[in-house]
Amino acid sequence: MLNFDSIRATAMQKVPYNWALIKNLLSPEASLELTASFPHEEFRLSEGEGYGYSWGKMLATSEDISLMLKSSDNRWRERMAQGRLTYDLRHLSKVWRQLIEGLWTDSYRKALAEMSGLELKDCLMDIGFRRYSSGQLHHPHTDEPNKVLTHLLFFNQQWSVDWGGCLRILKDSQPESAFQDILPLNDSSVAIARSDNSWHTVTPLTCPASEYRLALRVAFFRNDLISDFGQTQLAA
């Protein structure tokens, strides 16, 4: 289902930081089917100063979950306890199960690593659904320090530029410092290498109440059980 050649053919941009716009990762037919069966159950509202969106269950392989539960990042343990982190895909449609299983493959991870120049082999990966509605946004941010790479896939078949909701690549921390705006259309996905200046934002949505900005966020995190020398750290 995933066109890994589209990743391999994409060059990372170096300005204003390392990021890439990947086109046609999914076929139009697959994307249409994924949009039609995008899961809307069990979403929770996440909101605070300067941001607001709904997020669905987080998905990870059973192997990664076992490592996440040993990590110093307590959020994974909290999500597991809340039933918000799972390796069980039975709640998804067949086409979504196929996509998630494709994202869990070594081939996907290797293609992103080759494109980005980042070492992703030992990273922990979680996948999450994101849904924005009118009035929602996400303030400028660079992502968590332990994040290595984010890959955002979009699932809107149509989206007016007047509706906001763009992923905005920023030159600095100011929301007006736009370098490039990317509409959340199904033929586009964006990879962002995390750094201290990897500023990006989701512009305020002004879409009709019947419309949602639909996205899937794939995130790679450093495994803090691995030392700088690549050896597993043993508990004292």
C-alpha atoms as a PDB file:
ATOM      1  CA  MET A   1       0.000   0.000   0.000  1.00  0.00           C
ATOM      2  CA  LEU A   2       2.799   2.412   0.867  1.00  0.00           C
ATOM      3  CA  ASN A   3       4.892   3.686  -2.020  1.00  0.00           C
ATOM      4  CA  PHE A   4       8.346   3.654  -0.454  1.00  0.00           C
ATOM      5  CA  ASP A   5       9.832   4.940  -3.715  1.00  0.00           C
ATOM      6  CA  SER A   6       8.043   8.241  -3.093  1.00  0.00           C
ATOM      7  CA  ILE A   7      10.007   8.580   0.152  1.00  0.00           C
ATOM      8  CA  ARG A   8      13.309   7.572  -1.430  1.00  0.00           C
ATOM      9  CA  ALA A   9      12.781  10.074  -4.263  1.00  0.00           C
ATOM     10  CA  THR A  10      12.241  12.952  -1.826  1.00  0.00           C
ATOM     11  CA  ALA A  11      15.123  15.170  -0.739  1.00  0.00           C
ATOM     12  CA  MET A  12      15.169  16.647   2.747  1.00  0.00           C
ATOM     13  CA  GLN A  13      15.023  20.420   2.652  1.00  0.00           C
ATOM     14  CA  LYS A  14      17.639  22.187   4.760  1.00  0.00           C
ATOM     15  CA  VAL A  15      15.887  25.549   5.145  1.00  0.00           C
ATOM     16  CA  PRO A  16      14.733  26.659   7.647  1.00  0.00           C
ATOM     17  CA  TYR A  17      15.578  23.233   9.145  1.00  0.00           C
ATOM     18  CA  ASN A  18      15.481  19.605   8.013  1.00  0.00           C
ATOM     19  CA  TRP A  19      12.036  18.699   6.713  1.00  0.00           C
ATOM     20  CA  ALA A  20      10.460  17.120   3.634  1.00  0.00           C
ATOM     21  CA  LEU A  21       7.215  17.256   1.673  1.00  0.00           C
ATOM     22  CA  ILE A  22       6.485  13.752   0.388  1.00  0.00           C
ATOM     23  CA  LYS A  23       3.970  13.409  -2.437  1.00  0.00           C
ATOM     24  CA  ASN A  24       1.817  10.415  -3.389  1.00  0.00           C
ATOM     25  CA  LEU A  25       2.862   8.069  -0.610  1.00  0.00           C
ATOM     26  CA  LEU A  26      -0.542   6.409  -1.032  1.00  0.00           C
ATOM     27  CA  SER A  27      -2.476   5.753  -4.213  1.00  0.00           C
ATOM     28  CA  PRO A  28      -5.620   7.887  -4.760  1.00  0.00           C
ATOM     29  CA  GLU A  29      -7.743   4.746  -4.432  1.00  0.00           C
ATOM     30  CA  ALA A  30      -6.206   3.710  -1.106  1.00  0.00           C
ATOM     31  CA  SER A  31      -6.346   7.256   0.217  1.00  0.00           C
ATOM     32  CA  LEU A  32     -10.035   7.558  -0.666  1.00  0.00           C
ATOM     33  CA  GLU A  33     -10.810   4.328   1.169  1.00  0.00           C
ATOM     34  CA  LEU A  34      -8.768   5.421   4.192  1.00  0.00           C
ATOM     35  CA  THR A  35     -10.587   8.751   4.348  1.00  0.00           C
ATOM     36  CA  ALA A  36     -13.970   7.032   4.143  1.00  0.00           C
ATOM     37  CA  SER A  37     -13.137   4.749   7.078  1.00  0.00           C
ATOM     38  CA  PHE A  38     -11.066   7.199   9.145  1.00  0.00           C
ATOM     39  CA  PRO A  39     -11.866   6.224  12.755  1.00  0.00           C
ATOM     40  CA  HIS A  40     -13.892   8.796  14.689  1.00  0.00           C
ATOM     41  CA  GLU A  41     -14.585   6.783  17.845  1.00  0.00           C
ATOM     42  CA  GLU A  42     -12.916   7.288  21.218  1.00  0.00           C
ATOM     43  CA  PHE A  43     -11.379  10.660  20.412  1.00  0.00           C
ATOM     44  CA  ARG A  44     -10.448  12.934  23.295  1.00  0.00           C
ATOM     45  CA  LEU A  45     -10.106  16.689  23.263  1.00  0.00           C
ATOM     46  CA  SER A  46      -6.644  18.013  24.049  1.00  0.00           C
ATOM     47  CA  GLU A  47      -6.588  21.731  24.623  1.00  0.00           C
ATOM     48  CA  GLY A  48      -4.603  24.425  26.373  1.00  0.00           C
ATOM     49  CA  GLU A  49      -3.220  27.877  25.780  1.00  0.00           C
ATOM     50  CA  GLY A  50      -2.764  28.244  22.037  1.00  0.00           C
ATOM     51  CA  TYR A  51      -3.831  24.786  20.964  1.00  0.00           C
ATOM     52  CA  GLY A  52      -6.797  22.480  20.645  1.00  0.00           C
ATOM     53  CA  TYR A  53      -7.429  19.246  18.746  1.00  0.00           C
ATOM     54  CA  SER A  54      -8.853  15.759  19.250  1.00  0.00           C
ATOM     55  CA  TRP A  55      -6.689  12.662  19.384  1.00  0.00           C
ATOM     56  CA  GLY A  56      -7.542   9.007  19.055  1.00  0.00           C
ATOM     57  CA  LYS A  57      -5.913   5.862  20.339  1.00  0.00           C
ATOM     58  CA  MET A  58      -2.133   5.577  20.085  1.00  0.00           C
ATOM     59  CA  LEU A  59      -0.801   2.519  18.280  1.00  0.00           C
ATOM     60  CA  ALA A  60       2.545   0.759  18.662  1.00  0.00           C
ATOM     61  CA  THR A  61       3.947  -2.716  18.164  1.00  0.00           C
ATOM     62  CA  SER A  62       3.915  -5.025  21.165  1.00  0.00           C
ATOM     63  CA  GLU A  63       7.723  -4.935  21.131  1.00  0.00           C
ATOM     64  CA  ASP A  64       7.808  -1.137  21.291  1.00  0.00           C
ATOM     65  CA  ILE A  65       5.130  -1.039  23.980  1.00  0.00           C
ATOM     66  CA  SER A  66       7.192  -3.324  26.210  1.00  0.00           C
ATOM     67  CA  LEU A  67      10.110  -0.894  25.843  1.00  0.00           C
ATOM     68  CA  MET A  68       7.875   2.148  26.333  1.00  0.00           C
ATOM     69  CA  LEU A  69       6.695   0.782  29.667  1.00  0.00           C
ATOM     70  CA  LYS A  70      10.340   0.635  30.820  1.00  0.00           C
ATOM     71  CA  SER A  71      11.082   4.153  29.567  1.00  0.00           C
ATOM     72  CA  SER A  72      11.553   7.191  31.783  1.00  0.00           C
ATOM     73  CA  ASP A  73       8.701   8.873  29.863  1.00  0.00           C
ATOM     74  CA  ASN A  74       5.683   8.336  32.116  1.00  0.00           C
ATOM     75  CA  ARG A  75       3.171   9.382  29.460  1.00  0.00           C
ATOM     76  CA  TRP A  76       3.274   5.984  27.782  1.00  0.00           C
ATOM     77  CA  ARG A  77       2.497   4.222  31.060  1.00  0.00           C
ATOM     78  CA  GLU A  78      -0.368   6.637  31.675  1.00  0.00           C
ATOM     79  CA  ARG A  79      -1.794   6.057  28.203  1.00  0.00           C
ATOM     80  CA  MET A  80      -1.496   2.302  28.605  1.00  0.00           C
ATOM     81  CA  ALA A  81      -3.328   2.460  31.940  1.00  0.00           C
ATOM     82  CA  GLN A  82      -6.054   4.571  30.321  1.00  0.00           C
ATOM     83  CA  GLY A  83      -6.436   2.145  27.437  1.00  0.00           C
ATOM     84  CA  ARG A  84      -5.152   4.808  25.039  1.00  0.00           C
ATOM     85  CA  LEU A  85      -2.048   2.930  23.856  1.00  0.00           C
ATOM     86  CA  THR A  86      -2.456  -0.445  22.182  1.00  0.00           C
ATOM     87  CA  TYR A  87      -1.072  -2.872  19.626  1.00  0.00           C
ATOM     88  CA  ASP A  88      -4.598  -4.213  18.956  1.00  0.00           C
ATOM     89  CA  LEU A  89      -5.871  -3.061  15.547  1.00  0.00           C
ATOM     90  CA  ARG A  90      -9.245  -4.822  15.614  1.00  0.00           C
ATOM     91  CA  HIS A  91     -11.125  -1.533  16.052  1.00  0.00           C
ATOM     92  CA  LEU A  92      -9.858  -0.345  12.659  1.00  0.00           C
ATOM     93  CA  SER A  93     -11.159  -1.088   9.173  1.00  0.00           C
ATOM     94  CA  LYS A  94      -9.271  -3.581   7.012  1.00  0.00           C
ATOM     95  CA  VAL A  95      -7.587  -0.873   4.947  1.00  0.00           C
ATOM     96  CA  TRP A  96      -6.453   0.965   8.084  1.00  0.00           C
ATOM     97  CA  ARG A  97      -5.040  -2.243   9.548  1.00  0.00           C
ATOM     98  CA  GLN A  98      -3.089  -2.713   6.324  1.00  0.00           C
ATOM     99  CA  LEU A  99      -1.708   0.824   6.509  1.00  0.00           C
ATOM    100  CA  ILE A 100      -0.657   0.576  10.156  1.00  0.00           C
ATOM    101  CA  GLU A 101       0.990  -2.787   9.547  1.00  0.00           C
ATOM    102  CA  GLY A 102       2.847  -1.207   6.621  1.00  0.00           C
ATOM    103  CA  LEU A 103       4.063   1.607   8.855  1.00  0.00           C
ATOM    104  CA  TRP A 104       5.324  -0.967  11.341  1.00  0.00           C
ATOM    105  CA  THR A 105       7.632  -2.582   8.765  1.00  0.00           C
ATOM    106  CA  ASP A 106      11.397  -2.264   8.629  1.00  0.00           C
ATOM    107  CA  SER A 107      11.041  -1.142   4.993  1.00  0.00           C
ATOM    108  CA  TYR A 108       9.139   1.988   6.008  1.00  0.00           C
ATOM    109  CA  ARG A 109      11.566   2.823   8.778  1.00  0.00           C
ATOM    110  CA  LYS A 110      14.544   2.235   6.474  1.00  0.00           C
ATOM    111  CA  ALA A 111      13.090   4.457   3.721  1.00  0.00           C
ATOM    112  CA  LEU A 112      12.585   7.341   6.168  1.00  0.00           C
ATOM    113  CA  ALA A 113      16.050   6.830   7.639  1.00  0.00           C
ATOM    114  CA  GLU A 114      17.679   6.929   4.203  1.00  0.00           C
ATOM    115  CA  MET A 115      15.759  10.067   3.225  1.00  0.00           C
ATOM    116  CA  SER A 116      16.393  11.935   6.481  1.00  0.00           C
ATOM    117  CA  GLY A 117      19.901  10.726   7.258  1.00  0.00           C
ATOM    118  CA  LEU A 118      18.714   9.895  10.783  1.00  0.00           C
ATOM    119  CA  GLU A 119      19.287   6.625  12.622  1.00  0.00           C
ATOM    120  CA  LEU A 120      15.801   5.282  13.346  1.00  0.00           C
ATOM    121  CA  LYS A 121      16.529   1.571  13.841  1.00  0.00           C
ATOM    122  CA  ASP A 122      16.476   1.667  17.649  1.00  0.00           C
ATOM    123  CA  CYS A 123      13.824   4.371  17.994  1.00  0.00           C
ATOM    124  CA  LEU A 124      10.457   3.735  19.607  1.00  0.00           C
ATOM    125  CA  MET A 125       7.561   4.532  17.286  1.00  0.00           C
ATOM    126  CA  ASP A 126       3.995   5.433  18.103  1.00  0.00           C
ATOM    127  CA  ILE A 127       1.176   6.280  15.724  1.00  0.00           C
ATOM    128  CA  GLY A 128      -1.769   8.516  16.548  1.00  0.00           C
ATOM    129  CA  PHE A 129      -4.901   9.841  14.875  1.00  0.00           C
ATOM    130  CA  ARG A 130      -5.472  13.609  14.912  1.00  0.00           C
ATOM    131  CA  ARG A 131      -8.692  15.474  14.146  1.00  0.00           C
ATOM    132  CA  TYR A 132      -9.142  19.249  14.087  1.00  0.00           C
ATOM    133  CA  SER A 133     -12.442  21.104  13.711  1.00  0.00           C
ATOM    134  CA  SER A 134     -13.390  24.741  13.175  1.00  0.00           C
ATOM    135  CA  GLY A 135     -11.799  27.099  15.709  1.00  0.00           C
ATOM    136  CA  GLN A 136      -9.003  24.705  16.623  1.00  0.00           C
ATOM    137  CA  LEU A 137      -5.270  25.188  16.014  1.00  0.00           C
ATOM    138  CA  HIS A 138      -1.846  24.226  17.315  1.00  0.00           C
ATOM    139  CA  HIS A 139       0.569  26.899  18.491  1.00  0.00           C
ATOM    140  CA  PRO A 140       4.181  27.071  17.239  1.00  0.00           C
ATOM    141  CA  HIS A 141       6.280  24.280  18.735  1.00  0.00           C
ATOM    142  CA  THR A 142       9.413  22.242  18.022  1.00  0.00           C
ATOM    143  CA  ASP A 143       8.215  18.906  19.509  1.00  0.00           C
ATOM    144  CA  GLU A 144       9.553  17.079  22.556  1.00  0.00           C
ATOM    145  CA  PRO A 145      13.345  16.876  23.010  1.00  0.00           C
ATOM    146  CA  ASN A 146      13.282  13.061  22.937  1.00  0.00           C
ATOM    147  CA  LYS A 147      11.565  12.994  19.550  1.00  0.00           C
ATOM    148  CA  VAL A 148      13.769  12.272  16.533  1.00  0.00           C
ATOM    149  CA  LEU A 149      11.384  12.476  13.578  1.00  0.00           C
ATOM    150  CA  THR A 150       7.699  13.087  12.924  1.00  0.00           C
ATOM    151  CA  HIS A 151       5.857  11.977   9.799  1.00  0.00           C
ATOM    152  CA  LEU A 152       2.416  13.520   9.252  1.00  0.00           C
ATOM    153  CA  LEU A 153       0.018  11.916   6.777  1.00  0.00           C
ATOM    154  CA  PHE A 154      -3.106  13.802   5.687  1.00  0.00           C
ATOM    155  CA  PHE A 155      -6.483  12.373   4.687  1.00  0.00           C
ATOM    156  CA  ASN A 156      -8.607  15.205   3.318  1.00  0.00           C
ATOM    157  CA  GLN A 157      -9.768  14.682  -0.266  1.00  0.00           C
ATOM    158  CA  GLN A 158     -10.447  18.384  -0.619  1.00  0.00           C
ATOM    159  CA  TRP A 159      -9.547  21.413   1.469  1.00  0.00           C
ATOM    160  CA  SER A 160      -9.966  25.103   0.720  1.00  0.00           C
ATOM    161  CA  VAL A 161      -7.059  27.425   1.394  1.00  0.00           C
ATOM    162  CA  ASP A 162      -9.630  29.709   3.053  1.00  0.00           C
ATOM    163  CA  TRP A 163     -10.299  27.107   5.740  1.00  0.00           C
ATOM    164  CA  GLY A 164      -6.923  27.457   7.473  1.00  0.00           C
ATOM    165  CA  GLY A 165      -5.662  24.234   9.018  1.00  0.00           C
ATOM    166  CA  CYS A 166      -2.373  24.335   7.134  1.00  0.00           C
ATOM    167  CA  LEU A 167       0.763  22.773   8.500  1.00  0.00           C
ATOM    168  CA  ARG A 168       2.966  25.854   8.535  1.00  0.00           C
ATOM    169  CA  ILE A 169       6.727  25.456   8.423  1.00  0.00           C
ATOM    170  CA  LEU A 170       8.064  28.432  10.395  1.00  0.00           C
ATOM    171  CA  LYS A 171      11.278  30.416  10.213  1.00  0.00           C
ATOM    172  CA  ASP A 172      11.180  31.031  13.971  1.00  0.00           C
ATOM    173  CA  SER A 173       8.805  30.800  16.943  1.00  0.00           C
ATOM    174  CA  GLN A 174       6.398  33.453  15.652  1.00  0.00           C
ATOM    175  CA  PRO A 175       3.223  32.140  13.957  1.00  0.00           C
ATOM    176  CA  GLU A 176       3.473  34.802  11.238  1.00  0.00           C
ATOM    177  CA  SER A 177       7.002  33.759  10.189  1.00  0.00           C
ATOM    178  CA  ALA A 178       5.702  31.408   7.498  1.00  0.00           C
ATOM    179  CA  PHE A 179       8.221  29.621   5.311  1.00  0.00           C
ATOM    180  CA  GLN A 180       5.695  27.307   3.658  1.00  0.00           C
ATOM    181  CA  ASP A 181       2.038  26.410   4.214  1.00  0.00           C
ATOM    182  CA  ILE A 182       0.946  22.860   3.381  1.00  0.00           C
ATOM    183  CA  LEU A 183      -2.732  22.050   2.914  1.00  0.00           C
ATOM    184  CA  PRO A 184      -3.821  18.794   4.639  1.00  0.00           C
ATOM    185  CA  LEU A 185      -4.585  17.045   1.352  1.00  0.00           C
ATOM    186  CA  ASN A 186      -4.406  13.303   0.883  1.00  0.00           C
ATOM    187  CA  ASP A 187      -1.604  13.417  -1.700  1.00  0.00           C
ATOM    188  CA  SER A 188       0.775  15.050   0.785  1.00  0.00           C
ATOM    189  CA  SER A 189       2.700  13.994   3.851  1.00  0.00           C
ATOM    190  CA  VAL A 190       5.411  15.841   5.742  1.00  0.00           C
ATOM    191  CA  ALA A 191       8.463  14.629   7.660  1.00  0.00           C
ATOM    192  CA  ILE A 192      10.069  16.907  10.258  1.00  0.00           C
ATOM    193  CA  ALA A 193      13.418  16.190  11.898  1.00  0.00           C
ATOM    194  CA  ARG A 194      13.223  17.462  15.448  1.00  0.00           C
ATOM    195  CA  SER A 195      15.701  20.201  16.428  1.00  0.00           C
ATOM    196  CA  ASP A 196      15.770  23.261  18.642  1.00  0.00           C
ATOM    197  CA  ASN A 197      14.586  25.380  15.703  1.00  0.00           C
ATOM    198  CA  SER A 198      12.128  22.979  14.028  1.00  0.00           C
ATOM    199  CA  TRP A 199       9.243  25.386  14.569  1.00  0.00           C
ATOM    200  CA  HIS A 200       5.895  24.497  12.995  1.00  0.00           C
ATOM    201  CA  THR A 201       2.254  25.169  13.670  1.00  0.00           C
ATOM    202  CA  VAL A 202      -1.269  24.298  12.535  1.00  0.00           C
ATOM    203  CA  THR A 203      -2.998  27.494  11.454  1.00  0.00           C
ATOM    204  CA  PRO A 204      -6.446  28.270  12.948  1.00  0.00           C
ATOM    205  CA  LEU A 205      -9.285  26.396  11.279  1.00  0.00           C
ATOM    206  CA  THR A 206     -12.208  28.328   9.803  1.00  0.00           C
ATOM    207  CA  CYS A 207     -13.766  25.424   7.916  1.00  0.00           C
ATOM    208  CA  PRO A 208     -17.491  24.572   7.866  1.00  0.00           C
ATOM    209  CA  ALA A 209     -18.728  22.714  10.936  1.00  0.00           C
ATOM    210  CA  SER A 210     -19.209  19.585   8.833  1.00  0.00           C
ATOM    211  CA  GLU A 211     -15.518  19.416   7.894  1.00  0.00           C
ATOM    212  CA  TYR A 212     -12.586  17.980   9.858  1.00  0.00           C
ATOM    213  CA  ARG A 213      -8.853  18.177   9.293  1.00  0.00           C
ATOM    214  CA  LEU A 214      -7.779  14.522   9.354  1.00  0.00           C
ATOM    215  CA  ALA A 215      -4.217  13.408   9.967  1.00  0.00           C
ATOM    216  CA  LEU A 216      -2.119  10.511  11.171  1.00  0.00           C
ATOM    217  CA  ARG A 217       0.997  11.311  13.185  1.00  0.00           C
ATOM    218  CA  VAL A 218       3.882   8.844  13.146  1.00  0.00           C
ATOM    219  CA  ALA A 219       6.568   9.722  15.696  1.00  0.00           C
ATOM    220  CA  PHE A 220       9.995   8.238  16.362  1.00  0.00           C
ATOM    221  CA  PHE A 221      11.442   8.690  19.857  1.00  0.00           C
ATOM    222  CA  ARG A 222      14.866   8.000  21.310  1.00  0.00           C
ATOM    223  CA  ASN A 223      14.989   4.807  23.310  1.00  0.00           C
ATOM    224  CA  ASP A 224      16.470   5.915  26.629  1.00  0.00           C
ATOM    225  CA  LEU A 225      17.290   2.281  27.459  1.00  0.00           C
ATOM    226  CA  ILE A 226      20.015   2.484  24.819  1.00  0.00           C
ATOM    227  CA  SER A 227      23.249   4.218  25.795  1.00  0.00           C
ATOM    228  CA  ASP A 228      25.297   6.496  23.556  1.00  0.00           C
ATOM    229  CA  PHE A 229      27.385   3.451  22.699  1.00  0.00           C
ATOM    230  CA  GLY A 230      24.387   1.486  21.466  1.00  0.00           C
ATOM    231  CA  GLN A 231      24.378  -0.893  24.430  1.00  0.00           C
ATOM    232  CA  THR A 232      21.320  -1.637  26.515  1.00  0.00           C
ATOM    233  CA  GLN A 233      21.628  -0.001  29.906  1.00  0.00           C
ATOM    234  CA  LEU A 234      21.238  -2.469  32.756  1.00  0.00           C
ATOM    235  CA  ALA A 235      19.322  -1.516  35.858  1.00  0.00           C
ATOM    236  CA  ALA A 236      21.467  -1.172  38.962  1.00  0.00           C
END
